[in-house]
């Protein structure tokens, strides 16, 4: 008996050291997402998708909310999270943190040409980005692709240095929070991802009614679903296949896609985010 226990303990130790996907094999899939919206909204969006993934993979899908973007990256790197919804910049951070071992598997078709929207109060006199010089400004999270990195990159390209040309720079923490900041007068301008802005307008959000879009960025790659280093190939394939099977013609799938603001999911690869990495280096956010 002692010998069997010793063998089992040795096997478990070797499996851990080798990065064997113990949780996936034991029937548990731990999922998380960058907190780019309110926690209640993230939970609402994920519930039907989680139920679908459970049905398609046979795994017990458990969603774990986190308080900041860095926690998702660290969760993937330390095998505490198996699958994560990342922004393009967060993926680049995860790739660097795991020496390229974190693997993006799918993205929404919309993420091939994603954009950010600069917003101001409805009564603002600003007509162009240049008019924002000297204003108070709100980004989303420091690690947000669409709420910080790419808008910062495009501002620099337009000759506006946020650290020098804005009176103050604040970080709201999330896209919907940025709209609330500007609507409440806590910032004279801000920027957020186009998808969230469109959703807030469509849902007649009262904060969205108090702001207007000043400018929209050029398109870039953004969000994806990424698996942790060492997740077994069979589970990875099941997950990718499940996402790719989602069809808007199927009423149940249509609800899932609508909550994800996706027309469909398509395969993706790490090289799609090389431009994001270059922009992050150009903006001095990574070395």
C-alpha atoms as a PDB file:
ATOM      1  CA  UNK A   1       0.000   0.000   0.000  1.00  0.00           C
ATOM      2  CA  UNK A   2       2.784   2.382   0.957  1.00  0.00           C
ATOM      3  CA  UNK A   3       4.550   1.532  -2.289  1.00  0.00           C
ATOM      4  CA  UNK A   4       1.407   2.345  -4.300  1.00  0.00           C
ATOM      5  CA  UNK A   5       0.983   5.646  -2.472  1.00  0.00           C
ATOM      6  CA  UNK A   6       4.614   6.491  -3.108  1.00  0.00           C
ATOM      7  CA  UNK A   7       4.231   5.688  -6.805  1.00  0.00           C
ATOM      8  CA  UNK A   8       1.083   7.815  -7.000  1.00  0.00           C
ATOM      9  CA  UNK A   9       2.789  10.724  -5.269  1.00  0.00           C
ATOM     10  CA  UNK A  10       5.794  10.419  -7.580  1.00  0.00           C
ATOM     11  CA  UNK A  11       3.538  10.329 -10.640  1.00  0.00           C
ATOM     12  CA  UNK A  12       1.664  13.439  -9.457  1.00  0.00           C
ATOM     13  CA  UNK A  13       4.937  15.273  -8.844  1.00  0.00           C
ATOM     14  CA  UNK A  14       6.280  14.370 -12.273  1.00  0.00           C
ATOM     15  CA  UNK A  15       3.001  15.321 -13.913  1.00  0.00           C
ATOM     16  CA  UNK A  16       3.052  18.728 -12.217  1.00  0.00           C
ATOM     17  CA  UNK A  17       6.661  19.327 -13.185  1.00  0.00           C
ATOM     18  CA  UNK A  18       5.967  18.382 -16.786  1.00  0.00           C
ATOM     19  CA  UNK A  19       2.925  20.636 -16.983  1.00  0.00           C
ATOM     20  CA  UNK A  20       0.524  17.712 -17.509  1.00  0.00           C
ATOM     21  CA  UNK A  21      -3.020  19.120 -17.733  1.00  0.00           C
ATOM     22  CA  UNK A  22      -4.283  17.473 -14.555  1.00  0.00           C
ATOM     23  CA  UNK A  23      -7.390  19.632 -14.287  1.00  0.00           C
ATOM     24  CA  UNK A  24      -8.499  19.066 -17.862  1.00  0.00           C
ATOM     25  CA  UNK A  25      -7.961  15.314 -17.514  1.00  0.00           C
ATOM     26  CA  UNK A  26      -9.869  15.242 -14.221  1.00  0.00           C
ATOM     27  CA  UNK A  27     -12.828  16.827 -15.967  1.00  0.00           C
ATOM     28  CA  UNK A  28     -12.488  20.460 -14.865  1.00  0.00           C
ATOM     29  CA  UNK A  29     -11.940  23.395 -17.207  1.00  0.00           C
ATOM     30  CA  UNK A  30     -11.073  26.629 -15.410  1.00  0.00           C
ATOM     31  CA  UNK A  31     -12.015  29.694 -17.456  1.00  0.00           C
ATOM     32  CA  UNK A  32     -11.449  33.395 -16.872  1.00  0.00           C
ATOM     33  CA  UNK A  33     -11.539  36.688 -18.740  1.00  0.00           C
ATOM     34  CA  UNK A  34      -9.935  40.093 -18.553  1.00  0.00           C
ATOM     35  CA  UNK A  35     -12.219  42.356 -16.468  1.00  0.00           C
ATOM     36  CA  UNK A  36     -12.902  44.848 -19.245  1.00  0.00           C
ATOM     37  CA  UNK A  37     -16.525  45.242 -18.147  1.00  0.00           C
ATOM     38  CA  UNK A  38     -18.396  45.054 -14.852  1.00  0.00           C
ATOM     39  CA  UNK A  39     -18.145  41.611 -13.140  1.00  0.00           C
ATOM     40  CA  UNK A  40     -21.901  41.057 -13.338  1.00  0.00           C
ATOM     41  CA  UNK A  41     -21.846  41.707 -17.079  1.00  0.00           C
ATOM     42  CA  UNK A  42     -18.958  39.284 -17.616  1.00  0.00           C
ATOM     43  CA  UNK A  43     -20.824  36.572 -15.708  1.00  0.00           C
ATOM     44  CA  UNK A  44     -24.009  37.224 -17.689  1.00  0.00           C
ATOM     45  CA  UNK A  45     -22.160  37.010 -20.996  1.00  0.00           C
ATOM     46  CA  UNK A  46     -20.317  33.833 -20.081  1.00  0.00           C
ATOM     47  CA  UNK A  47     -23.120  31.689 -18.576  1.00  0.00           C
ATOM     48  CA  UNK A  48     -24.674  30.416 -21.864  1.00  0.00           C
ATOM     49  CA  UNK A  49     -21.212  29.980 -23.411  1.00  0.00           C
ATOM     50  CA  UNK A  50     -20.016  28.046 -20.365  1.00  0.00           C
ATOM     51  CA  UNK A  51     -23.019  25.726 -20.533  1.00  0.00           C
ATOM     52  CA  UNK A  52     -22.354  25.171 -24.235  1.00  0.00           C
ATOM     53  CA  UNK A  53     -18.663  24.406 -23.720  1.00  0.00           C
ATOM     54  CA  UNK A  54     -19.566  21.953 -20.968  1.00  0.00           C
ATOM     55  CA  UNK A  55     -21.923  20.149 -23.324  1.00  0.00           C
ATOM     56  CA  UNK A  56     -19.438  20.105 -26.211  1.00  0.00           C
ATOM     57  CA  UNK A  57     -16.360  19.072 -24.230  1.00  0.00           C
ATOM     58  CA  UNK A  58     -17.808  17.004 -21.409  1.00  0.00           C
ATOM     59  CA  UNK A  59     -15.824  19.068 -18.923  1.00  0.00           C
ATOM     60  CA  UNK A  60     -17.051  20.826 -15.807  1.00  0.00           C
ATOM     61  CA  UNK A  61     -16.607  24.454 -16.871  1.00  0.00           C
ATOM     62  CA  UNK A  62     -15.867  26.780 -13.964  1.00  0.00           C
ATOM     63  CA  UNK A  63     -15.652  30.536 -14.512  1.00  0.00           C
ATOM     64  CA  UNK A  64     -13.258  32.408 -12.230  1.00  0.00           C
ATOM     65  CA  UNK A  65     -13.562  36.215 -12.227  1.00  0.00           C
ATOM     66  CA  UNK A  66     -10.432  38.257 -11.523  1.00  0.00           C
ATOM     67  CA  UNK A  67      -9.872  41.806 -10.342  1.00  0.00           C
ATOM     68  CA  UNK A  68      -7.321  42.942 -12.924  1.00  0.00           C
ATOM     69  CA  UNK A  69      -5.773  42.074 -16.272  1.00  0.00           C
ATOM     70  CA  UNK A  70      -2.465  40.937 -14.781  1.00  0.00           C
ATOM     71  CA  UNK A  71      -4.236  38.220 -12.771  1.00  0.00           C
ATOM     72  CA  UNK A  72      -5.439  36.530 -15.970  1.00  0.00           C
ATOM     73  CA  UNK A  73      -1.931  36.516 -17.452  1.00  0.00           C
ATOM     74  CA  UNK A  74      -0.481  35.118 -14.242  1.00  0.00           C
ATOM     75  CA  UNK A  75      -3.265  32.538 -13.993  1.00  0.00           C
ATOM     76  CA  UNK A  76      -2.435  31.197 -17.446  1.00  0.00           C
ATOM     77  CA  UNK A  77       1.304  31.207 -16.751  1.00  0.00           C
ATOM     78  CA  UNK A  78       0.938  29.303 -13.472  1.00  0.00           C
ATOM     79  CA  UNK A  79      -1.623  26.776 -14.762  1.00  0.00           C
ATOM     80  CA  UNK A  80      -4.398  28.112 -12.524  1.00  0.00           C
ATOM     81  CA  UNK A  81      -6.509  29.002 -15.563  1.00  0.00           C
ATOM     82  CA  UNK A  82      -6.968  26.696 -18.563  1.00  0.00           C
ATOM     83  CA  UNK A  83      -8.780  29.030 -20.978  1.00  0.00           C
ATOM     84  CA  UNK A  84      -8.953  32.817 -20.971  1.00  0.00           C
ATOM     85  CA  UNK A  85     -10.624  35.613 -22.908  1.00  0.00           C
ATOM     86  CA  UNK A  86      -7.825  38.075 -23.624  1.00  0.00           C
ATOM     87  CA  UNK A  87      -7.359  41.348 -25.407  1.00  0.00           C
ATOM     88  CA  UNK A  88      -4.617  41.542 -28.011  1.00  0.00           C
ATOM     89  CA  UNK A  89      -2.187  43.288 -25.655  1.00  0.00           C
ATOM     90  CA  UNK A  90      -2.996  40.912 -22.794  1.00  0.00           C
ATOM     91  CA  UNK A  91      -2.256  38.012 -25.136  1.00  0.00           C
ATOM     92  CA  UNK A  92       1.111  39.561 -26.009  1.00  0.00           C
ATOM     93  CA  UNK A  93       1.832  39.848 -22.278  1.00  0.00           C
ATOM     94  CA  UNK A  94       0.803  36.214 -21.764  1.00  0.00           C
ATOM     95  CA  UNK A  95       2.964  35.121 -24.693  1.00  0.00           C
ATOM     96  CA  UNK A  96       5.989  36.911 -23.278  1.00  0.00           C
ATOM     97  CA  UNK A  97       5.274  35.691 -19.736  1.00  0.00           C
ATOM     98  CA  UNK A  98       5.095  32.048 -20.916  1.00  0.00           C
ATOM     99  CA  UNK A  99       7.903  32.235 -23.504  1.00  0.00           C
ATOM    100  CA  UNK A 100       5.413  31.696 -26.298  1.00  0.00           C
ATOM    101  CA  UNK A 101       3.690  28.696 -24.700  1.00  0.00           C
ATOM    102  CA  UNK A 102       0.251  30.323 -24.282  1.00  0.00           C
ATOM    103  CA  UNK A 103      -1.683  29.565 -27.477  1.00  0.00           C
ATOM    104  CA  UNK A 104      -4.518  31.661 -28.993  1.00  0.00           C
ATOM    105  CA  UNK A 105      -7.054  29.310 -30.583  1.00  0.00           C
ATOM    106  CA  UNK A 106      -9.996  31.390 -31.837  1.00  0.00           C
ATOM    107  CA  UNK A 107     -11.165  34.965 -32.198  1.00  0.00           C
ATOM    108  CA  UNK A 108     -14.365  36.601 -33.308  1.00  0.00           C
ATOM    109  CA  UNK A 109     -14.514  37.529 -36.964  1.00  0.00           C
ATOM    110  CA  UNK A 110     -14.927  41.109 -35.732  1.00  0.00           C
ATOM    111  CA  UNK A 111     -11.545  40.966 -33.998  1.00  0.00           C
ATOM    112  CA  UNK A 112      -9.707  40.930 -37.327  1.00  0.00           C
ATOM    113  CA  UNK A 113     -10.649  44.584 -37.748  1.00  0.00           C
ATOM    114  CA  UNK A 114     -11.321  45.962 -34.292  1.00  0.00           C
ATOM    115  CA  UNK A 115     -11.469  49.670 -33.460  1.00  0.00           C
ATOM    116  CA  UNK A 116     -11.587  52.049 -30.503  1.00  0.00           C
ATOM    117  CA  UNK A 117     -13.760  55.121 -30.171  1.00  0.00           C
ATOM    118  CA  UNK A 118     -12.737  58.433 -28.631  1.00  0.00           C
ATOM    119  CA  UNK A 119     -15.647  60.041 -26.805  1.00  0.00           C
ATOM    120  CA  UNK A 120     -16.471  63.480 -25.375  1.00  0.00           C
ATOM    121  CA  UNK A 121     -19.547  64.922 -23.648  1.00  0.00           C
ATOM    122  CA  UNK A 122     -22.360  65.701 -26.076  1.00  0.00           C
ATOM    123  CA  UNK A 123     -21.877  69.451 -25.527  1.00  0.00           C
ATOM    124  CA  UNK A 124     -18.102  69.373 -26.015  1.00  0.00           C
ATOM    125  CA  UNK A 125     -16.718  71.863 -28.518  1.00  0.00           C
ATOM    126  CA  UNK A 126     -14.006  69.421 -29.635  1.00  0.00           C
ATOM    127  CA  UNK A 127     -14.179  68.504 -33.321  1.00  0.00           C
ATOM    128  CA  UNK A 128     -10.871  66.644 -33.771  1.00  0.00           C
ATOM    129  CA  UNK A 129      -8.376  64.774 -31.600  1.00  0.00           C
ATOM    130  CA  UNK A 130      -6.099  67.816 -31.725  1.00  0.00           C
ATOM    131  CA  UNK A 131      -8.790  69.768 -29.879  1.00  0.00           C
ATOM    132  CA  UNK A 132      -8.285  67.485 -26.872  1.00  0.00           C
ATOM    133  CA  UNK A 133      -4.865  68.900 -26.049  1.00  0.00           C
ATOM    134  CA  UNK A 134      -4.996  70.328 -22.541  1.00  0.00           C
ATOM    135  CA  UNK A 135      -8.053  68.237 -21.635  1.00  0.00           C
ATOM    136  CA  UNK A 136      -8.483  65.703 -18.855  1.00  0.00           C
ATOM    137  CA  UNK A 137      -8.552  62.222 -20.389  1.00  0.00           C
ATOM    138  CA  UNK A 138      -9.607  58.707 -19.356  1.00  0.00           C
ATOM    139  CA  UNK A 139      -8.235  55.424 -20.668  1.00  0.00           C
ATOM    140  CA  UNK A 140      -9.619  52.053 -19.536  1.00  0.00           C
ATOM    141  CA  UNK A 141      -7.215  49.589 -17.938  1.00  0.00           C
ATOM    142  CA  UNK A 142      -3.456  50.111 -18.402  1.00  0.00           C
ATOM    143  CA  UNK A 143      -3.272  46.624 -19.970  1.00  0.00           C
ATOM    144  CA  UNK A 144      -6.270  47.093 -22.266  1.00  0.00           C
ATOM    145  CA  UNK A 145      -5.606  46.844 -25.993  1.00  0.00           C
ATOM    146  CA  UNK A 146      -8.617  48.860 -27.115  1.00  0.00           C
ATOM    147  CA  UNK A 147      -8.896  51.018 -24.011  1.00  0.00           C
ATOM    148  CA  UNK A 148      -5.255  52.094 -23.752  1.00  0.00           C
ATOM    149  CA  UNK A 149      -2.499  50.574 -25.910  1.00  0.00           C
ATOM    150  CA  UNK A 150      -3.858  51.106 -29.415  1.00  0.00           C
ATOM    151  CA  UNK A 151      -5.514  54.470 -28.651  1.00  0.00           C
ATOM    152  CA  UNK A 152      -2.223  55.642 -27.130  1.00  0.00           C
ATOM    153  CA  UNK A 153      -0.389  54.393 -30.219  1.00  0.00           C
ATOM    154  CA  UNK A 154      -2.771  56.213 -32.578  1.00  0.00           C
ATOM    155  CA  UNK A 155      -2.615  59.407 -30.493  1.00  0.00           C
ATOM    156  CA  UNK A 156       1.184  59.349 -30.739  1.00  0.00           C
ATOM    157  CA  UNK A 157       0.890  58.784 -34.493  1.00  0.00           C
ATOM    158  CA  UNK A 158      -1.327  61.875 -34.641  1.00  0.00           C
ATOM    159  CA  UNK A 159       1.274  63.946 -32.802  1.00  0.00           C
ATOM    160  CA  UNK A 160      -0.441  63.841 -29.404  1.00  0.00           C
ATOM    161  CA  UNK A 161       1.584  62.600 -26.449  1.00  0.00           C
ATOM    162  CA  UNK A 162      -0.944  61.682 -23.728  1.00  0.00           C
ATOM    163  CA  UNK A 163       1.605  62.151 -20.945  1.00  0.00           C
ATOM    164  CA  UNK A 164       2.472  65.670 -22.062  1.00  0.00           C
ATOM    165  CA  UNK A 165      -0.481  67.005 -24.029  1.00  0.00           C
ATOM    166  CA  UNK A 166      -3.364  66.049 -21.724  1.00  0.00           C
ATOM    167  CA  UNK A 167      -3.905  67.996 -18.500  1.00  0.00           C
ATOM    168  CA  UNK A 168      -4.371  64.744 -16.579  1.00  0.00           C
ATOM    169  CA  UNK A 169      -4.659  61.064 -17.517  1.00  0.00           C
ATOM    170  CA  UNK A 170      -6.849  58.676 -15.526  1.00  0.00           C
ATOM    171  CA  UNK A 171      -7.515  54.953 -15.860  1.00  0.00           C
ATOM    172  CA  UNK A 172     -11.154  54.027 -15.309  1.00  0.00           C
ATOM    173  CA  UNK A 173     -10.443  50.281 -15.186  1.00  0.00           C
ATOM    174  CA  UNK A 174     -13.079  49.178 -17.715  1.00  0.00           C
ATOM    175  CA  UNK A 175     -14.718  50.317 -20.944  1.00  0.00           C
ATOM    176  CA  UNK A 176     -18.171  50.984 -19.491  1.00  0.00           C
ATOM    177  CA  UNK A 177     -16.512  52.824 -16.604  1.00  0.00           C
ATOM    178  CA  UNK A 178     -14.791  55.152 -19.093  1.00  0.00           C
ATOM    179  CA  UNK A 179     -18.169  56.169 -20.488  1.00  0.00           C
ATOM    180  CA  UNK A 180     -19.366  56.811 -16.952  1.00  0.00           C
ATOM    181  CA  UNK A 181     -16.266  58.936 -16.279  1.00  0.00           C
ATOM    182  CA  UNK A 182     -16.895  61.180 -19.273  1.00  0.00           C
ATOM    183  CA  UNK A 183     -20.658  61.313 -18.735  1.00  0.00           C
ATOM    184  CA  UNK A 184     -20.155  62.434 -15.130  1.00  0.00           C
ATOM    185  CA  UNK A 185     -17.566  65.063 -16.041  1.00  0.00           C
ATOM    186  CA  UNK A 186     -14.723  63.238 -14.310  1.00  0.00           C
ATOM    187  CA  UNK A 187     -12.864  63.433 -17.634  1.00  0.00           C
ATOM    188  CA  UNK A 188     -13.327  65.727 -20.615  1.00  0.00           C
ATOM    189  CA  UNK A 189     -12.631  62.899 -23.055  1.00  0.00           C
ATOM    190  CA  UNK A 190     -11.946  59.186 -23.054  1.00  0.00           C
ATOM    191  CA  UNK A 191     -11.557  56.123 -25.222  1.00  0.00           C
ATOM    192  CA  UNK A 192     -13.036  52.631 -25.218  1.00  0.00           C
ATOM    193  CA  UNK A 193     -13.543  49.674 -27.474  1.00  0.00           C
ATOM    194  CA  UNK A 194     -16.060  50.149 -30.244  1.00  0.00           C
ATOM    195  CA  UNK A 195     -18.024  47.004 -29.410  1.00  0.00           C
ATOM    196  CA  UNK A 196     -18.814  48.084 -25.850  1.00  0.00           C
ATOM    197  CA  UNK A 197     -19.718  51.583 -27.005  1.00  0.00           C
ATOM    198  CA  UNK A 198     -22.099  50.178 -29.612  1.00  0.00           C
ATOM    199  CA  UNK A 199     -23.656  47.876 -27.007  1.00  0.00           C
ATOM    200  CA  UNK A 200     -24.206  50.729 -24.556  1.00  0.00           C
ATOM    201  CA  UNK A 201     -25.868  52.814 -27.243  1.00  0.00           C
ATOM    202  CA  UNK A 202     -28.086  49.923 -28.353  1.00  0.00           C
ATOM    203  CA  UNK A 203     -29.183  49.245 -24.775  1.00  0.00           C
ATOM    204  CA  UNK A 204     -30.035  52.928 -24.224  1.00  0.00           C
ATOM    205  CA  UNK A 205     -27.481  53.214 -21.438  1.00  0.00           C
ATOM    206  CA  UNK A 206     -28.011  56.613 -19.725  1.00  0.00           C
ATOM    207  CA  UNK A 207     -24.281  57.359 -19.629  1.00  0.00           C
ATOM    208  CA  UNK A 208     -23.926  56.635 -23.348  1.00  0.00           C
ATOM    209  CA  UNK A 209     -26.656  59.182 -24.026  1.00  0.00           C
ATOM    210  CA  UNK A 210     -24.478  61.874 -22.439  1.00  0.00           C
ATOM    211  CA  UNK A 211     -21.469  61.359 -24.707  1.00  0.00           C
ATOM    212  CA  UNK A 212     -20.713  61.359 -28.418  1.00  0.00           C
ATOM    213  CA  UNK A 213     -18.055  59.728 -30.557  1.00  0.00           C
ATOM    214  CA  UNK A 214     -15.354  62.187 -31.596  1.00  0.00           C
ATOM    215  CA  UNK A 215     -13.146  59.837 -33.620  1.00  0.00           C
ATOM    216  CA  UNK A 216     -12.590  56.166 -34.424  1.00  0.00           C
ATOM    217  CA  UNK A 217      -9.178  54.517 -34.753  1.00  0.00           C
ATOM    218  CA  UNK A 218      -7.863  52.561 -37.694  1.00  0.00           C
ATOM    219  CA  UNK A 219      -8.566  48.798 -37.392  1.00  0.00           C
ATOM    220  CA  UNK A 220      -6.311  46.316 -35.616  1.00  0.00           C
ATOM    221  CA  UNK A 221      -6.427  42.721 -34.291  1.00  0.00           C
ATOM    222  CA  UNK A 222      -7.802  42.386 -30.783  1.00  0.00           C
ATOM    223  CA  UNK A 223      -9.546  39.820 -28.578  1.00  0.00           C
ATOM    224  CA  UNK A 224      -9.052  36.053 -28.582  1.00  0.00           C
ATOM    225  CA  UNK A 225      -9.539  32.898 -26.531  1.00  0.00           C
ATOM    226  CA  UNK A 226      -6.182  31.539 -25.370  1.00  0.00           C
ATOM    227  CA  UNK A 227      -5.269  28.230 -23.704  1.00  0.00           C
ATOM    228  CA  UNK A 228      -2.588  27.848 -21.081  1.00  0.00           C
ATOM    229  CA  UNK A 229       0.792  26.228 -21.669  1.00  0.00           C
ATOM    230  CA  UNK A 230       0.622  22.444 -21.562  1.00  0.00           C
ATOM    231  CA  UNK A 231      -3.122  22.026 -22.053  1.00  0.00           C
ATOM    232  CA  UNK A 232      -3.487  18.676 -23.813  1.00  0.00           C
ATOM    233  CA  UNK A 233      -4.068  18.664 -27.560  1.00  0.00           C
ATOM    234  CA  UNK A 234      -7.361  16.776 -27.337  1.00  0.00           C
ATOM    235  CA  UNK A 235      -8.938  19.331 -24.991  1.00  0.00           C
ATOM    236  CA  UNK A 236      -7.556  22.216 -27.018  1.00  0.00           C
ATOM    237  CA  UNK A 237      -9.086  20.770 -30.207  1.00  0.00           C
ATOM    238  CA  UNK A 238     -12.456  20.199 -28.518  1.00  0.00           C
ATOM    239  CA  UNK A 239     -12.520  23.806 -27.390  1.00  0.00           C
ATOM    240  CA  UNK A 240     -11.536  25.219 -30.774  1.00  0.00           C
ATOM    241  CA  UNK A 241     -14.061  22.987 -32.562  1.00  0.00           C
ATOM    242  CA  UNK A 242     -16.809  24.044 -30.138  1.00  0.00           C
ATOM    243  CA  UNK A 243     -16.226  27.729 -30.846  1.00  0.00           C
ATOM    244  CA  UNK A 244     -15.963  27.190 -34.593  1.00  0.00           C
ATOM    245  CA  UNK A 245     -19.249  25.216 -34.637  1.00  0.00           C
ATOM    246  CA  UNK A 246     -21.251  28.145 -33.286  1.00  0.00           C
ATOM    247  CA  UNK A 247     -23.720  29.111 -36.009  1.00  0.00           C
ATOM    248  CA  UNK A 248     -25.989  32.143 -35.927  1.00  0.00           C
ATOM    249  CA  UNK A 249     -28.601  30.129 -37.868  1.00  0.00           C
ATOM    250  CA  UNK A 250     -29.039  27.959 -34.762  1.00  0.00           C
ATOM    251  CA  UNK A 251     -31.305  29.811 -32.256  1.00  0.00           C
ATOM    252  CA  UNK A 252     -29.322  28.582 -29.221  1.00  0.00           C
ATOM    253  CA  UNK A 253     -26.020  29.479 -30.835  1.00  0.00           C
ATOM    254  CA  UNK A 254     -27.412  32.841 -31.895  1.00  0.00           C
ATOM    255  CA  UNK A 255     -27.952  33.829 -28.237  1.00  0.00           C
ATOM    256  CA  UNK A 256     -24.379  32.860 -27.336  1.00  0.00           C
ATOM    257  CA  UNK A 257     -22.923  34.754 -30.279  1.00  0.00           C
ATOM    258  CA  UNK A 258     -25.062  37.803 -29.541  1.00  0.00           C
ATOM    259  CA  UNK A 259     -23.806  37.957 -25.952  1.00  0.00           C
ATOM    260  CA  UNK A 260     -20.236  37.671 -27.236  1.00  0.00           C
ATOM    261  CA  UNK A 261     -21.012  40.309 -29.885  1.00  0.00           C
ATOM    262  CA  UNK A 262     -19.746  37.914 -32.540  1.00  0.00           C
ATOM    263  CA  UNK A 263     -21.069  36.977 -35.966  1.00  0.00           C
ATOM    264  CA  UNK A 264     -18.928  33.846 -35.729  1.00  0.00           C
ATOM    265  CA  UNK A 265     -15.608  32.594 -34.375  1.00  0.00           C
ATOM    266  CA  UNK A 266     -12.624  31.927 -36.625  1.00  0.00           C
ATOM    267  CA  UNK A 267      -9.187  30.345 -36.052  1.00  0.00           C
ATOM    268  CA  UNK A 268      -6.374  32.645 -34.987  1.00  0.00           C
ATOM    269  CA  UNK A 269      -2.633  32.452 -34.399  1.00  0.00           C
ATOM    270  CA  UNK A 270       0.028  34.206 -32.379  1.00  0.00           C
ATOM    271  CA  UNK A 271       1.499  36.054 -35.365  1.00  0.00           C
ATOM    272  CA  UNK A 272      -1.782  37.960 -35.811  1.00  0.00           C
ATOM    273  CA  UNK A 273      -0.770  39.970 -32.752  1.00  0.00           C
ATOM    274  CA  UNK A 274       2.722  40.924 -33.890  1.00  0.00           C
ATOM    275  CA  UNK A 275       1.393  44.384 -34.721  1.00  0.00           C
ATOM    276  CA  UNK A 276       0.037  44.751 -31.190  1.00  0.00           C
ATOM    277  CA  UNK A 277       3.444  43.797 -29.789  1.00  0.00           C
ATOM    278  CA  UNK A 278       5.167  46.320 -32.057  1.00  0.00           C
ATOM    279  CA  UNK A 279       2.720  49.040 -30.993  1.00  0.00           C
ATOM    280  CA  UNK A 280       3.319  48.210 -27.315  1.00  0.00           C
ATOM    281  CA  UNK A 281       7.068  48.515 -27.798  1.00  0.00           C
ATOM    282  CA  UNK A 282       6.641  51.756 -29.748  1.00  0.00           C
ATOM    283  CA  UNK A 283       4.505  53.181 -26.941  1.00  0.00           C
ATOM    284  CA  UNK A 284       7.047  52.097 -24.350  1.00  0.00           C
ATOM    285  CA  UNK A 285       4.624  49.729 -22.592  1.00  0.00           C
ATOM    286  CA  UNK A 286       6.859  46.677 -23.030  1.00  0.00           C
ATOM    287  CA  UNK A 287      10.559  46.312 -23.768  1.00  0.00           C
END
